[in-house]
Structure formats: structure tokens, C-alpha cells
Amino acid sequence: MSSVKPLKEVVRHLADTFNNPQTRESSYFDFYDDSLMIHGFPPNFPANKEGFKQFIYLLWKAFPDIIITFDDIIIEGNKVACRYILTGTHKGEFMYLQPTDKQFRVDGMTIFSFIDAKVIERWNLVDMLSLMEQLGTKT
């Protein structure tokens, strides 16, 4: 894509789809190419689209009301860097932690690499220490 505006719209639509429990399972993964490579997600998941799906389904099950809000979207070429906030309520098992019913708010950053309007590579950093502290675990 040659223009910044279309990629910004794709990323905003991607977030809206992630945040919508009624439609996310049927369309969220359409934003990602089958050749997807992921970086920075928990170990024990394959670094491909299938591993990404497994991790996202785990998030949606553990935090059914999870919301991602992109505060900054910076675009250069085919890469989009985003600073975000994740919020939600812990309703299901997550990383061996039984549901606590506690709410959380954590910061993160991600970089998407696109070909056309499909993500082919994604890097992710999230403040897991803060998440675990908010859910009541000792690290």
C-alpha cells in the first residue's frame, strides 16, 4: 500500500474486530496472511498463524471482555508500530492461573509488517509482570 491512511484504517478495523465478541472469531484472523510469522508471544506456541490463533483464542477465553486500544499508530513503508492498552476481566484460566474475576489494564507495543492489507509478520511486547500482579500472582 502506498498511502499511510489505508494501513491506519486496516489497523483500526483489526482492533475493532478483535474487540467485538460477536464477530471476532469469524473475521479477526482474515487480517493475517497464512504465511504469518509472530514474535514475542508466549513460548510453547508455534511462531506461525496457527500458533497465533491458539494464543488469541486463549486470550478471548480467559478475558472474554478484552479490549485493545491503540493510542499511537506510526507508519513507515509497509510497517505499522502501535502503542496500545489492553483491558479486561479474568474469567478463564490463563497461563496456569485460575480465574480471579479481577480487572486489568496493561500497556504494550506491536509492530505489524504488511503485504497489501494482510499482516505477514508481527512483533509484540506486553507488560506481563503488571498483568500478573494485577491478577494477584506473585512473580
Protein backbone atom coordinates (compact mmCIF):
# COMPACT_ATOMS: atom_id res chain seq x y z
CA MET A 1 0.00 0.00 0.00
CA SER A 2 1.43 3.31 -0.93
CA SER A 3 -0.64 5.55 1.33
CA VAL A 4 -0.49 5.78 5.11
CA LYS A 5 -4.25 6.27 5.51
CA PRO A 6 -5.30 2.80 4.23
CA LEU A 7 -2.89 0.99 6.61
CA LYS A 8 -4.11 3.09 9.54
CA GLU A 9 -7.69 2.16 8.63
CA VAL A 10 -6.76 -1.54 8.38
CA VAL A 11 -5.15 -1.46 11.84
CA ARG A 12 -8.12 0.36 13.39
CA HIS A 13 -10.52 -2.14 11.80
CA LEU A 14 -8.31 -5.01 13.03
CA ALA A 15 -8.64 -3.65 16.61
CA ASP A 16 -12.40 -3.14 16.27
CA THR A 17 -12.75 -6.75 15.10
CA PHE A 18 -10.56 -8.08 17.95
CA ASN A 19 -12.74 -6.17 20.44
CA ASN A 20 -16.11 -7.42 19.15
CA PRO A 21 -17.10 -10.77 20.75
CA GLN A 22 -19.97 -11.24 18.27
CA THR A 23 -17.82 -11.22 15.12
CA ARG A 24 -14.18 -11.62 16.10
CA GLU A 25 -13.97 -15.41 15.76
CA SER A 26 -15.39 -15.31 12.25
CA SER A 27 -13.25 -12.47 10.86
CA TYR A 28 -10.29 -11.39 13.05
CA PHE A 29 -7.82 -13.85 11.52
CA ASP A 30 -8.68 -12.67 8.00
CA PHE A 31 -6.33 -9.72 8.65
CA TYR A 32 -3.40 -12.16 8.82
CA ASP A 33 -1.75 -13.89 5.86
CA ASP A 34 -1.31 -17.67 6.00
CA SER A 35 2.47 -17.09 5.93
CA LEU A 36 2.30 -15.10 9.21
CA MET A 37 5.36 -15.18 11.48
CA ILE A 38 4.93 -13.99 15.07
CA HIS A 39 7.49 -12.81 17.63
CA GLY A 40 7.14 -12.05 21.32
CA PHE A 41 4.17 -14.25 22.16
CA PRO A 42 4.48 -16.84 24.90
CA PRO A 43 6.79 -19.75 24.23
CA ASN A 44 5.13 -23.12 23.67
CA PHE A 45 3.11 -21.72 20.78
CA PRO A 46 4.25 -22.16 17.18
CA ALA A 47 5.50 -18.87 15.67
CA ASN A 48 3.04 -19.11 12.77
CA LYS A 49 -0.61 -18.29 12.08
CA GLU A 50 -1.86 -21.45 13.81
CA GLY A 51 0.14 -20.67 16.98
CA PHE A 52 -1.12 -17.09 16.87
CA LYS A 53 -4.71 -18.35 16.62
CA GLN A 54 -4.19 -20.67 19.59
CA PHE A 55 -2.86 -17.81 21.71
CA ILE A 56 -5.62 -15.36 20.73
CA TYR A 57 -8.34 -17.95 21.43
CA LEU A 58 -6.74 -18.49 24.85
CA LEU A 59 -6.90 -14.72 25.48
CA TRP A 60 -10.54 -14.49 24.41
CA LYS A 61 -11.47 -17.43 26.66
CA ALA A 62 -9.53 -16.12 29.67
CA PHE A 63 -10.61 -12.49 29.17
CA PRO A 64 -13.91 -12.52 27.22
CA ASP A 65 -14.30 -8.73 27.52
CA ILE A 66 -10.71 -7.97 26.45
CA ILE A 67 -10.28 -4.67 24.61
CA ILE A 68 -7.24 -3.37 22.75
CA THR A 69 -6.96 0.38 22.28
CA PHE A 70 -4.25 1.76 20.03
CA ASP A 71 -3.05 5.12 21.38
CA ASP A 72 -0.34 5.71 18.79
CA ILE A 73 -0.12 4.37 15.25
CA ILE A 74 3.13 5.15 13.42
CA ILE A 75 3.56 4.06 9.83
CA GLU A 76 6.68 3.78 7.71
CA GLY A 77 6.54 1.91 4.45
CA ASN A 78 4.77 -1.40 4.99
CA LYS A 79 5.33 -1.41 8.78
CA VAL A 80 2.94 -0.11 11.41
CA ALA A 81 4.08 0.41 15.01
CA CYS A 82 1.37 0.75 17.66
CA ARG A 83 1.39 1.58 21.36
CA TYR A 84 -1.65 0.07 22.99
CA ILE A 85 -3.58 -0.56 26.18
CA LEU A 86 -5.23 -3.90 26.94
CA THR A 87 -8.08 -4.06 29.43
CA GLY A 88 -10.32 -6.90 30.53
CA THR A 89 -11.60 -9.16 33.28
CA HIS A 90 -10.01 -12.50 34.17
CA LYS A 91 -12.84 -15.04 33.68
CA GLY A 92 -10.97 -18.14 32.47
CA GLU A 93 -7.67 -19.96 33.01
CA PHE A 94 -4.63 -18.07 31.77
CA MET A 95 -1.07 -19.38 31.90
CA TYR A 96 -1.99 -21.87 34.67
CA LEU A 97 -3.74 -19.16 36.68
CA GLN A 98 -7.33 -19.97 37.59
CA PRO A 99 -9.92 -17.20 37.05
CA THR A 100 -9.70 -14.39 39.60
CA ASP A 101 -12.55 -12.19 38.29
CA LYS A 102 -10.12 -9.26 38.59
CA GLN A 103 -9.92 -6.48 36.04
CA PHE A 104 -6.62 -5.46 34.48
CA ARG A 105 -5.07 -2.68 32.42
CA VAL A 106 -1.65 -3.20 30.81
CA ASP A 107 0.47 -1.42 28.24
CA GLY A 108 2.01 -2.96 25.17
CA MET A 109 3.52 -2.33 21.77
CA THR A 110 3.26 -4.17 18.50
CA ILE A 111 4.73 -3.85 15.04
CA PHE A 112 2.89 -5.20 12.02
CA SER A 113 4.52 -5.85 8.66
CA PHE A 114 2.04 -5.83 5.77
CA ILE A 115 1.83 -7.03 2.22
CA ASP A 116 -1.18 -5.27 0.75
CA ALA A 117 -3.71 -5.31 3.59
CA LYS A 118 -2.55 -8.59 5.20
CA VAL A 119 -0.19 -8.91 8.16
CA ILE A 120 2.75 -11.16 7.28
CA GLU A 121 4.81 -10.59 10.42
CA ARG A 122 4.01 -9.31 13.91
CA TRP A 123 6.24 -8.40 16.85
CA ASN A 124 4.63 -7.92 20.27
CA LEU A 125 5.66 -6.69 23.71
CA VAL A 126 3.24 -6.53 26.63
CA ASP A 127 3.80 -5.81 30.31
CA MET A 128 3.22 -9.37 31.59
CA LEU A 129 4.64 -8.56 35.04
CA SER A 130 2.00 -5.89 35.54
CA LEU A 131 -0.72 -8.23 34.25
CA MET A 132 0.24 -11.00 36.67
CA GLU A 133 0.49 -8.55 39.58
CA GLN A 134 -2.97 -7.16 38.80
CA LEU A 135 -4.40 -10.68 38.65
CA GLY A 136 -2.96 -11.31 42.10
CA THR A 137 0.01 -13.56 41.45
CA LYS A 138 3.49 -13.26 42.87
CA THR A 139 6.22 -13.43 40.24
